[in-house]
N, C-alpha and C. Protein backbone atom coordinates (compact mmCIF):
# COMPACT_ATOMS: atom_id res chain seq x y z
N UNK A 1 -8.96 -10.13 -17.95
CA UNK A 1 -8.59 -11.46 -17.49
C UNK A 1 -9.70 -12.04 -16.63
N UNK A 2 -10.11 -13.27 -16.97
CA UNK A 2 -11.21 -13.91 -16.26
C UNK A 2 -10.70 -14.50 -14.94
N UNK A 3 -11.41 -14.19 -13.85
CA UNK A 3 -11.03 -14.71 -12.54
C UNK A 3 -11.66 -16.08 -12.34
N UNK A 4 -11.14 -16.88 -11.38
CA UNK A 4 -11.75 -18.19 -11.09
C UNK A 4 -13.22 -18.07 -10.73
N UNK A 5 -13.59 -17.03 -9.99
CA UNK A 5 -14.99 -16.81 -9.63
C UNK A 5 -15.84 -16.60 -10.88
N UNK A 6 -15.38 -15.74 -11.76
CA UNK A 6 -16.15 -15.43 -12.97
C UNK A 6 -16.28 -16.66 -13.85
N UNK A 7 -15.22 -17.46 -13.92
CA UNK A 7 -15.26 -18.68 -14.73
C UNK A 7 -16.29 -19.67 -14.18
N UNK A 8 -16.28 -19.83 -12.86
CA UNK A 8 -17.23 -20.76 -12.24
C UNK A 8 -18.66 -20.25 -12.36
N UNK A 9 -18.86 -18.97 -12.21
CA UNK A 9 -20.21 -18.40 -12.36
C UNK A 9 -20.72 -18.62 -13.79
N UNK A 10 -19.85 -18.48 -14.77
CA UNK A 10 -20.24 -18.70 -16.16
C UNK A 10 -20.65 -20.17 -16.37
N UNK A 11 -19.89 -21.08 -15.77
CA UNK A 11 -20.22 -22.51 -15.89
C UNK A 11 -21.58 -22.81 -15.27
N UNK A 12 -21.82 -22.26 -14.09
CA UNK A 12 -23.10 -22.51 -13.41
C UNK A 12 -24.27 -21.90 -14.18
N UNK A 13 -24.07 -20.71 -14.74
CA UNK A 13 -25.13 -20.08 -15.52
C UNK A 13 -25.43 -20.90 -16.78
N UNK A 14 -24.38 -21.41 -17.41
CA UNK A 14 -24.57 -22.23 -18.61
C UNK A 14 -25.33 -23.52 -18.27
N UNK A 15 -24.96 -24.13 -17.14
CA UNK A 15 -25.64 -25.37 -16.74
C UNK A 15 -27.11 -25.10 -16.42
N UNK A 16 -27.40 -23.98 -15.78
CA UNK A 16 -28.79 -23.64 -15.47
C UNK A 16 -29.59 -23.47 -16.76
N UNK A 17 -28.99 -22.85 -17.77
CA UNK A 17 -29.67 -22.69 -19.06
C UNK A 17 -29.90 -24.04 -19.73
N UNK A 18 -28.92 -24.94 -19.63
CA UNK A 18 -29.06 -26.27 -20.21
C UNK A 18 -30.18 -27.06 -19.51
N UNK A 19 -30.27 -26.87 -18.20
CA UNK A 19 -31.34 -27.56 -17.45
C UNK A 19 -32.70 -27.08 -17.91
N UNK A 20 -32.85 -25.77 -18.14
CA UNK A 20 -34.13 -25.24 -18.61
C UNK A 20 -34.52 -25.88 -19.95
N UNK A 21 -33.53 -26.06 -20.83
CA UNK A 21 -33.79 -26.69 -22.13
C UNK A 21 -34.22 -28.14 -21.93
N UNK A 22 -33.52 -28.87 -21.06
CA UNK A 22 -33.84 -30.28 -20.80
C UNK A 22 -35.22 -30.42 -20.17
N UNK A 23 -35.54 -29.53 -19.23
CA UNK A 23 -36.85 -29.59 -18.58
C UNK A 23 -37.96 -29.31 -19.58
N UNK A 24 -37.72 -28.34 -20.48
CA UNK A 24 -38.72 -28.03 -21.51
C UNK A 24 -38.95 -29.24 -22.41
N UNK A 25 -37.86 -29.94 -22.77
CA UNK A 25 -37.99 -31.14 -23.60
C UNK A 25 -38.75 -32.24 -22.86
N UNK A 26 -38.47 -32.40 -21.58
CA UNK A 26 -39.16 -33.42 -20.77
C UNK A 26 -40.64 -33.07 -20.59
N UNK A 27 -40.95 -31.78 -20.50
CA UNK A 27 -42.35 -31.36 -20.41
C UNK A 27 -43.11 -31.76 -21.68
N UNK A 28 -42.43 -31.58 -22.83
CA UNK A 28 -43.05 -32.00 -24.10
C UNK A 28 -43.24 -33.52 -24.12
N UNK A 29 -42.24 -34.24 -23.63
CA UNK A 29 -42.34 -35.70 -23.58
C UNK A 29 -43.46 -36.12 -22.65
N UNK A 30 -43.61 -35.42 -21.55
CA UNK A 30 -44.67 -35.75 -20.58
C UNK A 30 -46.05 -35.56 -21.21
N UNK A 31 -46.18 -34.45 -22.00
CA UNK A 31 -47.45 -34.21 -22.67
C UNK A 31 -47.75 -35.33 -23.67
N UNK A 32 -46.69 -35.81 -24.34
CA UNK A 32 -46.87 -36.91 -25.30
C UNK A 32 -47.29 -38.19 -24.58
N UNK A 33 -46.69 -38.45 -23.43
CA UNK A 33 -47.03 -39.65 -22.64
C UNK A 33 -48.47 -39.57 -22.14
N UNK A 34 -48.87 -38.34 -21.79
CA UNK A 34 -50.26 -38.16 -21.33
C UNK A 34 -51.24 -38.55 -22.44
N UNK A 35 -50.89 -38.23 -23.69
CA UNK A 35 -51.75 -38.60 -24.82
C UNK A 35 -51.79 -40.12 -24.97
N UNK A 36 -50.66 -40.79 -24.76
CA UNK A 36 -50.63 -42.26 -24.87
C UNK A 36 -51.44 -42.90 -23.75
N UNK A 37 -51.41 -42.26 -22.58
CA UNK A 37 -52.16 -42.84 -21.45
C UNK A 37 -53.65 -42.80 -21.72
N UNK A 38 -54.08 -41.74 -22.44
CA UNK A 38 -55.52 -41.64 -22.77
C UNK A 38 -55.96 -42.79 -23.67
N UNK A 39 -55.04 -43.29 -24.49
CA UNK A 39 -55.41 -44.37 -25.42
C UNK A 39 -55.28 -45.75 -24.77
N UNK A 40 -54.97 -45.77 -23.46
CA UNK A 40 -54.89 -47.03 -22.75
C UNK A 40 -53.53 -47.69 -22.76
N UNK A 41 -52.48 -46.95 -23.09
CA UNK A 41 -51.12 -47.52 -23.10
C UNK A 41 -50.68 -47.74 -21.67
N UNK A 42 -50.48 -48.98 -21.25
CA UNK A 42 -50.15 -49.31 -19.87
C UNK A 42 -48.75 -48.83 -19.50
N UNK A 43 -47.86 -48.73 -20.48
CA UNK A 43 -46.49 -48.31 -20.20
C UNK A 43 -46.39 -46.80 -19.97
N UNK A 44 -47.46 -46.05 -20.29
CA UNK A 44 -47.43 -44.60 -20.19
C UNK A 44 -47.22 -44.14 -18.75
N UNK A 45 -47.82 -44.85 -17.80
CA UNK A 45 -47.70 -44.46 -16.40
C UNK A 45 -46.25 -44.57 -15.92
N UNK A 46 -45.59 -45.66 -16.35
CA UNK A 46 -44.19 -45.86 -15.97
C UNK A 46 -43.31 -44.78 -16.61
N UNK A 47 -43.60 -44.48 -17.87
CA UNK A 47 -42.83 -43.45 -18.56
C UNK A 47 -43.02 -42.07 -17.90
N UNK A 48 -44.25 -41.79 -17.49
CA UNK A 48 -44.52 -40.52 -16.83
C UNK A 48 -43.76 -40.42 -15.50
N UNK A 49 -43.71 -41.54 -14.79
CA UNK A 49 -42.97 -41.54 -13.53
C UNK A 49 -41.48 -41.27 -13.75
N UNK A 50 -40.93 -41.86 -14.80
CA UNK A 50 -39.52 -41.65 -15.10
C UNK A 50 -39.25 -40.19 -15.48
N UNK A 51 -40.16 -39.63 -16.26
CA UNK A 51 -40.00 -38.22 -16.67
C UNK A 51 -40.06 -37.30 -15.45
N UNK A 52 -41.03 -37.57 -14.56
CA UNK A 52 -41.16 -36.75 -13.36
C UNK A 52 -39.91 -36.84 -12.49
N UNK A 53 -39.33 -38.03 -12.42
CA UNK A 53 -38.12 -38.21 -11.64
C UNK A 53 -36.97 -37.40 -12.23
N UNK A 54 -36.82 -37.42 -13.56
CA UNK A 54 -35.78 -36.65 -14.22
C UNK A 54 -35.98 -35.15 -14.04
N UNK A 55 -37.23 -34.71 -14.19
CA UNK A 55 -37.52 -33.28 -14.03
C UNK A 55 -37.21 -32.82 -12.60
N UNK A 56 -37.60 -33.66 -11.63
CA UNK A 56 -37.33 -33.33 -10.23
C UNK A 56 -35.83 -33.22 -9.97
N UNK A 57 -35.07 -34.17 -10.52
CA UNK A 57 -33.62 -34.16 -10.32
C UNK A 57 -33.00 -32.93 -10.98
N UNK A 58 -33.48 -32.58 -12.19
CA UNK A 58 -32.94 -31.42 -12.89
C UNK A 58 -33.27 -30.12 -12.15
N UNK A 59 -34.48 -30.02 -11.64
CA UNK A 59 -34.86 -28.81 -10.90
C UNK A 59 -34.05 -28.69 -9.61
N UNK A 60 -33.79 -29.84 -8.98
CA UNK A 60 -32.96 -29.82 -7.77
C UNK A 60 -31.53 -29.37 -8.11
N UNK A 61 -31.02 -29.87 -9.24
CA UNK A 61 -29.68 -29.48 -9.67
C UNK A 61 -29.63 -27.98 -9.98
N UNK A 62 -30.69 -27.46 -10.61
CA UNK A 62 -30.72 -26.03 -10.93
C UNK A 62 -30.77 -25.20 -9.65
N UNK A 63 -31.54 -25.66 -8.66
CA UNK A 63 -31.62 -24.93 -7.39
C UNK A 63 -30.25 -24.89 -6.71
N UNK A 64 -29.54 -26.02 -6.77
CA UNK A 64 -28.20 -26.08 -6.19
C UNK A 64 -27.24 -25.15 -6.95
N UNK A 65 -27.36 -25.12 -8.28
CA UNK A 65 -26.51 -24.25 -9.09
C UNK A 65 -26.76 -22.78 -8.76
N UNK A 66 -28.03 -22.43 -8.59
CA UNK A 66 -28.36 -21.04 -8.25
C UNK A 66 -27.86 -20.68 -6.86
N UNK A 67 -27.96 -21.63 -5.91
CA UNK A 67 -27.45 -21.38 -4.56
C UNK A 67 -25.93 -21.21 -4.59
N UNK A 68 -25.27 -22.04 -5.42
CA UNK A 68 -23.82 -21.91 -5.56
C UNK A 68 -23.44 -20.57 -6.17
N UNK A 69 -24.22 -20.13 -7.15
CA UNK A 69 -23.97 -18.82 -7.76
C UNK A 69 -24.07 -17.71 -6.72
N UNK A 70 -25.10 -17.79 -5.87
CA UNK A 70 -25.29 -16.76 -4.85
C UNK A 70 -24.12 -16.73 -3.87
N UNK A 71 -23.64 -17.92 -3.48
CA UNK A 71 -22.52 -17.99 -2.55
C UNK A 71 -21.24 -17.44 -3.17
N UNK A 72 -21.01 -17.79 -4.43
CA UNK A 72 -19.81 -17.30 -5.12
C UNK A 72 -19.86 -15.78 -5.28
N UNK A 73 -21.05 -15.27 -5.65
CA UNK A 73 -21.19 -13.82 -5.81
C UNK A 73 -20.96 -13.10 -4.49
N UNK A 74 -21.44 -13.67 -3.39
CA UNK A 74 -21.23 -13.07 -2.07
C UNK A 74 -19.75 -13.10 -1.70
N UNK A 75 -19.11 -14.22 -2.00
CA UNK A 75 -17.68 -14.34 -1.74
C UNK A 75 -16.89 -13.33 -2.57
N UNK A 76 -17.31 -13.17 -3.82
CA UNK A 76 -16.65 -12.22 -4.72
C UNK A 76 -16.78 -10.79 -4.19
N UNK A 77 -17.98 -10.43 -3.71
CA UNK A 77 -18.21 -9.11 -3.15
C UNK A 77 -17.33 -8.88 -1.92
N UNK A 78 -17.24 -9.91 -1.07
CA UNK A 78 -16.44 -9.79 0.15
C UNK A 78 -14.97 -9.60 -0.18
N UNK A 79 -14.51 -10.33 -1.18
CA UNK A 79 -13.11 -10.19 -1.59
C UNK A 79 -12.83 -8.80 -2.14
N UNK A 80 -13.78 -8.24 -2.88
CA UNK A 80 -13.62 -6.89 -3.41
C UNK A 80 -13.57 -5.87 -2.28
N UNK A 81 -14.44 -6.07 -1.27
CA UNK A 81 -14.44 -5.17 -0.11
C UNK A 81 -13.11 -5.24 0.62
N UNK A 82 -12.63 -6.47 0.84
CA UNK A 82 -11.35 -6.64 1.54
C UNK A 82 -10.19 -6.05 0.75
N UNK A 83 -10.24 -6.21 -0.59
CA UNK A 83 -9.18 -5.65 -1.42
C UNK A 83 -9.20 -4.12 -1.35
N UNK A 84 -10.40 -3.54 -1.35
CA UNK A 84 -10.51 -2.08 -1.26
C UNK A 84 -10.01 -1.58 0.09
N UNK A 85 -10.37 -2.32 1.17
CA UNK A 85 -9.90 -1.94 2.49
C UNK A 85 -8.39 -2.03 2.59
N UNK A 86 -7.81 -3.05 1.98
CA UNK A 86 -6.37 -3.20 2.00
C UNK A 86 -5.69 -2.06 1.24
N UNK A 87 -6.31 -1.68 0.10
CA UNK A 87 -5.75 -0.57 -0.68
C UNK A 87 -5.79 0.72 0.12
N UNK A 88 -6.91 0.94 0.84
CA UNK A 88 -7.03 2.14 1.68
C UNK A 88 -5.98 2.11 2.78
N UNK A 89 -5.82 0.94 3.38
CA UNK A 89 -4.84 0.80 4.45
C UNK A 89 -3.42 1.09 3.95
N UNK A 90 -3.10 0.59 2.77
CA UNK A 90 -1.77 0.83 2.21
C UNK A 90 -1.56 2.31 1.93
N UNK A 91 -2.63 2.99 1.44
CA UNK A 91 -2.50 4.43 1.21
C UNK A 91 -2.27 5.18 2.52
N UNK A 92 -2.97 4.73 3.58
CA UNK A 92 -2.80 5.38 4.88
C UNK A 92 -1.40 5.16 5.43
N UNK A 93 -0.89 3.94 5.25
CA UNK A 93 0.47 3.65 5.70
C UNK A 93 1.47 4.54 4.97
N UNK A 94 1.30 4.66 3.63
CA UNK A 94 2.18 5.49 2.84
C UNK A 94 2.05 6.96 3.25
N UNK A 95 0.81 7.41 3.45
CA UNK A 95 0.59 8.80 3.85
C UNK A 95 1.21 9.07 5.21
N UNK A 96 1.07 8.10 6.12
CA UNK A 96 1.62 8.30 7.46
C UNK A 96 3.13 8.39 7.41
N UNK A 97 3.77 7.60 6.56
CA UNK A 97 5.23 7.65 6.44
C UNK A 97 5.69 9.05 6.07
N UNK A 98 5.01 9.63 5.07
CA UNK A 98 5.39 10.98 4.63
C UNK A 98 5.02 12.03 5.68
N UNK A 99 3.88 11.83 6.35
CA UNK A 99 3.47 12.78 7.40
C UNK A 99 4.46 12.75 8.56
N UNK A 100 4.91 11.57 8.94
CA UNK A 100 5.89 11.46 10.02
C UNK A 100 7.19 12.18 9.64
N UNK A 101 7.61 12.01 8.38
CA UNK A 101 8.82 12.70 7.92
C UNK A 101 8.64 14.21 8.00
N UNK A 102 7.46 14.70 7.58
CA UNK A 102 7.19 16.14 7.62
C UNK A 102 7.18 16.66 9.05
N UNK A 103 6.61 15.88 9.99
CA UNK A 103 6.56 16.31 11.39
C UNK A 103 7.97 16.39 11.98
N UNK A 104 8.79 15.39 11.68
CA UNK A 104 10.17 15.40 12.17
C UNK A 104 10.92 16.61 11.62
N UNK A 105 10.73 16.86 10.32
CA UNK A 105 11.40 18.00 9.69
C UNK A 105 10.88 19.33 10.22
N UNK A 106 9.58 19.42 10.52
CA UNK A 106 9.04 20.63 11.13
C UNK A 106 9.79 20.95 12.42
N UNK A 107 9.93 19.93 13.26
CA UNK A 107 10.61 20.13 14.54
C UNK A 107 12.08 20.50 14.34
N UNK A 108 12.74 19.81 13.41
CA UNK A 108 14.16 20.09 13.15
C UNK A 108 14.36 21.51 12.60
N UNK A 109 13.46 21.93 11.71
CA UNK A 109 13.56 23.29 11.14
C UNK A 109 13.34 24.33 12.24
N UNK A 110 12.35 24.09 13.13
CA UNK A 110 12.13 25.01 14.24
C UNK A 110 13.39 25.14 15.09
N UNK A 111 14.02 23.99 15.37
CA UNK A 111 15.25 24.02 16.17
C UNK A 111 16.35 24.77 15.43
N UNK A 112 16.46 24.53 14.11
CA UNK A 112 17.49 25.20 13.32
C UNK A 112 17.25 26.71 13.26
N UNK A 113 15.98 27.11 13.15
CA UNK A 113 15.67 28.54 13.09
C UNK A 113 15.98 29.22 14.42
N UNK A 114 15.68 28.55 15.53
CA UNK A 114 16.02 29.13 16.84
C UNK A 114 17.54 29.24 17.00
N UNK A 115 18.24 28.19 16.52
CA UNK A 115 19.71 28.24 16.59
C UNK A 115 20.25 29.35 15.69
N UNK A 116 19.62 29.53 14.52
CA UNK A 116 20.05 30.59 13.60
C UNK A 116 19.83 31.96 14.21
N UNK A 117 18.67 32.15 14.86
CA UNK A 117 18.40 33.43 15.52
C UNK A 117 19.43 33.70 16.61
N UNK A 118 19.80 32.65 17.34
CA UNK A 118 20.81 32.81 18.39
C UNK A 118 22.16 33.19 17.79
N UNK A 119 22.52 32.57 16.65
CA UNK A 119 23.78 32.90 15.99
C UNK A 119 23.80 34.34 15.51
N UNK A 120 22.67 34.80 14.96
CA UNK A 120 22.60 36.20 14.53
C UNK A 120 22.74 37.14 15.72
N UNK A 121 22.13 36.74 16.85
CA UNK A 121 22.27 37.57 18.05
C UNK A 121 23.72 37.65 18.50
N UNK A 122 24.41 36.52 18.48
CA UNK A 122 25.82 36.51 18.86
C UNK A 122 26.65 37.37 17.88
N UNK A 123 26.31 37.26 16.58
CA UNK A 123 27.03 38.04 15.57
C UNK A 123 26.82 39.54 15.80
N UNK A 124 25.58 39.91 16.11
CA UNK A 124 25.28 41.32 16.35
C UNK A 124 26.06 41.85 17.55
N UNK A 125 26.12 41.04 18.61
CA UNK A 125 26.86 41.45 19.81
C UNK A 125 28.35 41.63 19.48
N UNK A 126 28.88 40.67 18.67
CA UNK A 126 30.29 40.75 18.31
C UNK A 126 30.59 42.00 17.48
N UNK A 127 29.71 42.33 16.54
CA UNK A 127 29.93 43.50 15.70
C UNK A 127 29.82 44.80 16.50
N UNK A 128 28.87 44.85 17.43
CA UNK A 128 28.75 46.05 18.27
C UNK A 128 29.97 46.19 19.17
N UNK A 129 30.47 45.07 19.66
CA UNK A 129 31.68 45.13 20.49
C UNK A 129 32.86 45.59 19.65
N UNK A 130 32.90 45.12 18.37
CA UNK A 130 33.95 45.57 17.46
C UNK A 130 33.87 47.06 17.22
N UNK A 131 32.63 47.55 17.04
CA UNK A 131 32.44 48.99 16.80
C UNK A 131 32.94 49.80 17.98
N UNK A 132 32.74 49.30 19.20
CA UNK A 132 33.16 50.03 20.40
C UNK A 132 34.67 50.15 20.52
N UNK A 133 35.39 49.28 19.83
CA UNK A 133 36.86 49.36 19.88
C UNK A 133 37.38 50.51 19.02
N UNK A 134 36.57 50.97 18.06
CA UNK A 134 36.98 52.04 17.18
C UNK A 134 37.98 51.61 16.13
N UNK A 135 38.24 50.33 16.04
CA UNK A 135 39.23 49.83 15.09
C UNK A 135 38.66 49.69 13.68
N UNK A 136 37.35 49.71 13.54
CA UNK A 136 36.69 49.54 12.23
C UNK A 136 35.77 50.72 12.00
N UNK A 137 35.69 51.17 10.76
CA UNK A 137 34.83 52.29 10.39
C UNK A 137 33.38 51.99 10.76
N UNK A 138 32.70 52.97 11.35
CA UNK A 138 31.31 52.77 11.79
C UNK A 138 30.37 52.50 10.61
N UNK A 139 30.68 53.09 9.44
CA UNK A 139 29.85 52.84 8.25
C UNK A 139 29.89 51.36 7.89
N UNK A 140 31.06 50.80 7.96
CA UNK A 140 31.21 49.37 7.66
C UNK A 140 30.42 48.53 8.65
N UNK A 141 30.48 48.87 9.94
CA UNK A 141 29.75 48.13 10.98
C UNK A 141 28.25 48.22 10.72
N UNK A 142 27.77 49.42 10.35
CA UNK A 142 26.33 49.60 10.09
C UNK A 142 25.87 48.73 8.92
N UNK A 143 26.71 48.66 7.86
CA UNK A 143 26.35 47.83 6.72
C UNK A 143 26.27 46.35 7.10
N UNK A 144 27.16 45.96 8.01
CA UNK A 144 27.18 44.56 8.41
C UNK A 144 26.04 44.20 9.36
N UNK A 145 25.58 45.16 10.15
CA UNK A 145 24.56 44.86 11.16
C UNK A 145 23.13 45.09 10.67
N UNK A 146 22.94 45.78 9.54
CA UNK A 146 21.55 45.99 9.10
C UNK A 146 20.96 44.70 8.51
N UNK A 147 19.66 44.69 8.39
CA UNK A 147 18.96 43.46 7.99
C UNK A 147 19.23 43.07 6.53
N UNK A 148 19.57 44.04 5.70
CA UNK A 148 19.75 43.73 4.29
C UNK A 148 20.89 42.74 4.06
N UNK A 149 21.95 42.85 4.89
CA UNK A 149 23.07 41.92 4.75
C UNK A 149 22.62 40.49 5.04
N UNK A 150 21.87 40.32 6.11
CA UNK A 150 21.38 38.99 6.47
C UNK A 150 20.36 38.48 5.44
N UNK A 151 19.55 39.41 4.90
CA UNK A 151 18.57 39.03 3.89
C UNK A 151 19.27 38.53 2.63
N UNK A 152 20.33 39.23 2.20
CA UNK A 152 21.07 38.79 1.03
C UNK A 152 21.69 37.41 1.26
N UNK A 153 22.17 37.18 2.48
CA UNK A 153 22.76 35.88 2.81
C UNK A 153 21.70 34.78 2.78
N UNK A 154 20.50 35.10 3.28
CA UNK A 154 19.42 34.11 3.27
C UNK A 154 19.02 33.77 1.84
N UNK A 155 18.96 34.79 0.98
CA UNK A 155 18.62 34.54 -0.42
C UNK A 155 19.72 33.74 -1.12
N UNK A 156 20.98 34.03 -0.75
CA UNK A 156 22.08 33.27 -1.34
C UNK A 156 21.98 31.80 -0.97
N UNK A 157 21.43 31.52 0.21
CA UNK A 157 21.21 30.14 0.66
C UNK A 157 19.89 29.57 0.14
N UNK A 158 19.20 30.34 -0.71
CA UNK A 158 17.93 29.96 -1.34
C UNK A 158 16.79 29.80 -0.33
N UNK A 159 16.90 30.46 0.81
CA UNK A 159 15.81 30.42 1.78
C UNK A 159 14.58 31.16 1.26
N UNK A 160 14.79 32.08 0.31
CA UNK A 160 13.65 32.83 -0.22
C UNK A 160 12.67 31.92 -0.97
N UNK A 161 13.11 30.70 -1.34
CA UNK A 161 12.21 29.76 -2.00
C UNK A 161 11.19 29.19 -1.02
N UNK A 162 11.46 29.33 0.28
CA UNK A 162 10.57 28.74 1.29
C UNK A 162 10.08 29.77 2.31
N UNK A 163 10.79 30.87 2.45
CA UNK A 163 10.47 31.84 3.50
C UNK A 163 10.22 33.20 2.88
N UNK A 164 9.12 33.84 3.29
CA UNK A 164 8.86 35.22 2.90
C UNK A 164 9.51 36.11 3.96
N UNK A 165 10.52 36.83 3.58
CA UNK A 165 11.35 37.54 4.55
C UNK A 165 10.77 38.91 4.90
N UNK A 166 9.64 38.91 5.59
CA UNK A 166 9.10 40.14 6.14
C UNK A 166 8.44 39.79 7.47
N UNK A 167 8.27 40.79 8.31
CA UNK A 167 7.72 40.57 9.64
C UNK A 167 6.20 40.40 9.56
N UNK A 168 5.71 39.34 10.16
CA UNK A 168 4.26 39.12 10.19
C UNK A 168 3.71 39.63 11.52
N UNK A 169 2.38 39.60 11.66
CA UNK A 169 1.75 40.06 12.89
C UNK A 169 2.19 39.19 14.06
N UNK A 170 2.39 39.76 15.24
CA UNK A 170 2.84 38.98 16.40
C UNK A 170 1.95 37.77 16.70
N UNK A 171 0.66 37.94 16.51
CA UNK A 171 -0.24 36.82 16.77
C UNK A 171 -0.13 35.69 15.78
N UNK A 172 0.51 35.97 14.64
CA UNK A 172 0.67 34.95 13.61
C UNK A 172 2.00 34.21 13.73
N UNK A 173 2.84 34.66 14.63
CA UNK A 173 4.15 34.02 14.78
C UNK A 173 4.00 32.68 15.49
N UNK A 174 4.40 31.64 14.83
CA UNK A 174 4.30 30.30 15.43
C UNK A 174 5.29 29.37 14.74
N UNK A 175 5.77 28.36 15.46
CA UNK A 175 6.73 27.42 14.87
C UNK A 175 6.04 26.50 13.86
N UNK A 176 6.82 25.89 12.98
CA UNK A 176 6.27 24.95 12.00
C UNK A 176 5.63 23.74 12.67
N UNK A 177 6.14 23.36 13.83
CA UNK A 177 5.67 22.13 14.48
C UNK A 177 4.23 22.21 14.97
N UNK A 178 3.62 23.42 14.97
CA UNK A 178 2.20 23.48 15.36
C UNK A 178 1.34 22.73 14.35
N UNK A 179 1.88 22.58 13.11
CA UNK A 179 1.13 21.86 12.08
C UNK A 179 1.14 20.35 12.31
N UNK A 180 1.97 19.88 13.24
CA UNK A 180 2.04 18.44 13.49
C UNK A 180 0.72 17.87 13.99
N UNK A 181 -0.10 18.72 14.62
CA UNK A 181 -1.39 18.24 15.11
C UNK A 181 -2.32 17.82 13.98
N UNK A 182 -2.15 18.40 12.79
CA UNK A 182 -3.03 18.06 11.68
C UNK A 182 -2.37 17.05 10.75
N UNK A 183 -1.18 16.57 11.12
CA UNK A 183 -0.49 15.58 10.30
C UNK A 183 -0.56 14.18 10.91
N UNK A 184 -1.48 14.00 11.87
CA UNK A 184 -1.65 12.68 12.49
C UNK A 184 -2.51 11.82 11.58
N UNK A 185 -1.91 11.32 10.49
CA UNK A 185 -2.65 10.62 9.45
C UNK A 185 -2.67 9.12 9.70
N UNK A 186 -3.87 8.53 9.58
CA UNK A 186 -3.99 7.07 9.60
C UNK A 186 -3.60 6.43 10.92
N UNK A 187 -3.72 7.15 12.02
CA UNK A 187 -3.29 6.57 13.29
C UNK A 187 -4.14 5.37 13.71
N UNK A 188 -5.41 5.34 13.30
CA UNK A 188 -6.28 4.23 13.70
C UNK A 188 -6.14 3.03 12.79
N UNK A 189 -5.57 3.22 11.59
CA UNK A 189 -5.54 2.14 10.62
C UNK A 189 -4.15 1.64 10.29
N UNK A 190 -3.16 2.55 10.32
CA UNK A 190 -1.81 2.16 9.91
C UNK A 190 -1.11 1.45 11.04
N UNK A 191 -0.48 0.34 10.72
CA UNK A 191 0.24 -0.43 11.72
C UNK A 191 1.53 0.28 12.10
N UNK A 192 1.89 0.18 13.38
CA UNK A 192 3.12 0.79 13.87
C UNK A 192 4.03 -0.32 14.35
N UNK A 193 5.29 -0.36 13.90
CA UNK A 193 6.22 -1.40 14.36
C UNK A 193 6.36 -1.37 15.87
N UNK A 194 6.55 -2.54 16.48
CA UNK A 194 6.67 -2.62 17.93
C UNK A 194 7.88 -1.85 18.44
N UNK A 195 8.92 -1.72 17.60
CA UNK A 195 10.13 -1.04 18.03
C UNK A 195 10.18 0.41 17.58
N UNK A 196 9.01 0.98 17.19
CA UNK A 196 9.00 2.37 16.73
C UNK A 196 9.41 3.28 17.87
N UNK A 197 10.32 4.26 17.64
CA UNK A 197 10.82 5.14 18.71
C UNK A 197 9.89 6.29 18.99
N UNK A 198 10.10 6.93 20.17
CA UNK A 198 9.42 8.18 20.54
C UNK A 198 7.91 8.06 20.51
N UNK A 199 7.36 6.98 20.99
CA UNK A 199 5.92 6.81 21.01
C UNK A 199 5.48 6.44 22.42
N UNK A 200 4.24 6.79 22.76
CA UNK A 200 3.68 6.53 24.07
C UNK A 200 2.46 5.65 23.93
N UNK A 201 2.18 4.85 24.96
CA UNK A 201 0.97 4.04 25.02
C UNK A 201 0.15 4.50 26.20
N UNK A 202 -1.17 4.54 26.03
CA UNK A 202 -2.03 4.97 27.13
C UNK A 202 -2.69 3.79 27.84
N UNK A 203 -2.24 2.57 27.55
CA UNK A 203 -2.79 1.41 28.23
C UNK A 203 -3.97 0.80 27.52
N UNK A 204 -4.43 1.42 26.44
CA UNK A 204 -5.55 0.87 25.68
C UNK A 204 -5.03 0.19 24.45
N UNK A 205 -5.97 -0.27 23.60
CA UNK A 205 -5.57 -0.92 22.36
C UNK A 205 -5.40 0.08 21.23
N UNK A 206 -5.53 1.37 21.52
CA UNK A 206 -5.43 2.38 20.47
C UNK A 206 -4.00 2.44 19.95
N UNK A 207 -3.86 2.92 18.73
CA UNK A 207 -2.53 3.10 18.14
C UNK A 207 -1.79 4.16 18.93
N UNK A 208 -0.54 3.92 19.36
CA UNK A 208 0.20 4.92 20.11
C UNK A 208 0.48 6.15 19.27
N UNK A 209 0.57 7.28 19.93
CA UNK A 209 0.80 8.55 19.23
C UNK A 209 2.18 9.07 19.59
N UNK A 210 2.81 9.70 18.62
CA UNK A 210 4.14 10.26 18.84
C UNK A 210 4.04 11.47 19.75
N UNK A 211 4.98 11.58 20.71
CA UNK A 211 4.98 12.73 21.61
C UNK A 211 5.23 14.00 20.80
N UNK A 212 4.40 15.02 21.02
CA UNK A 212 4.55 16.30 20.34
C UNK A 212 5.19 17.30 21.28
N UNK A 213 5.93 18.24 20.73
CA UNK A 213 6.56 19.29 21.52
C UNK A 213 6.13 20.64 20.98
N UNK A 214 6.04 21.60 21.85
CA UNK A 214 5.75 22.97 21.41
C UNK A 214 6.71 23.92 22.11
N UNK A 215 6.99 25.01 21.46
CA UNK A 215 7.98 25.95 21.99
C UNK A 215 7.40 26.70 23.16
N UNK A 216 8.23 26.96 24.20
CA UNK A 216 7.84 27.79 25.35
C UNK A 216 8.37 29.19 25.13
N UNK A 217 8.02 30.08 26.03
CA UNK A 217 8.39 31.48 25.87
C UNK A 217 9.91 31.68 25.91
N UNK A 218 10.64 30.79 26.60
CA UNK A 218 12.08 30.97 26.70
C UNK A 218 12.84 30.27 25.59
N UNK A 219 12.11 29.79 24.55
CA UNK A 219 12.78 29.19 23.40
C UNK A 219 13.00 27.70 23.54
N UNK A 220 12.69 27.12 24.72
CA UNK A 220 12.87 25.68 24.90
C UNK A 220 11.66 24.90 24.45
N UNK A 221 11.64 23.61 24.72
CA UNK A 221 10.52 22.74 24.35
C UNK A 221 9.91 22.16 25.60
N UNK A 222 8.62 21.95 25.50
CA UNK A 222 7.94 21.20 26.55
C UNK A 222 6.92 20.30 25.91
N UNK A 223 6.60 19.18 26.57
CA UNK A 223 5.66 18.23 25.97
C UNK A 223 4.25 18.63 26.29
């Protein structure tokens, strides 16, 4: 599809080519008039002046056409740059939306995992208290309190699709929300609504950043 810029550039290029043809024809006419002037034709001087005037006007028109072409081409380049920048900005906005969702979910999953660990702890205490009553067979209590029962329950909940259920090195233990530091996408380019929640301003013109939380040793959060 031809754009208005391309259409106008084609028109100007065509006119410049037509001017070259007209100037070439006038140059031939001028040479002919020069021959008449040699033979003493008094009208030759007037004719030469008219030809020179036409050639001058055509050359001026061609210069204007070329200047217009340059301006249009510059405008076209600027529009392409702006369109590319807008496309990049839109991608950053889209990326930031998904990154924000992932960060929120990281924090929520960390909270859910801590709550799940607490529930398992309460369950273990309840089963041991039950065992102390002697009302239930100890073999049954052992089956209920070993890790395989909880592992089967986790797999039944399809957690095995996301979690590798084995103990990692202590130094590798960390909440999902630590990844939030690398999910700060497009903060300098993506616009943030004025009413966006949970954000802080530092008094500058920089894009505000969402408050991050990390787990403390007692299982709570601190900023």
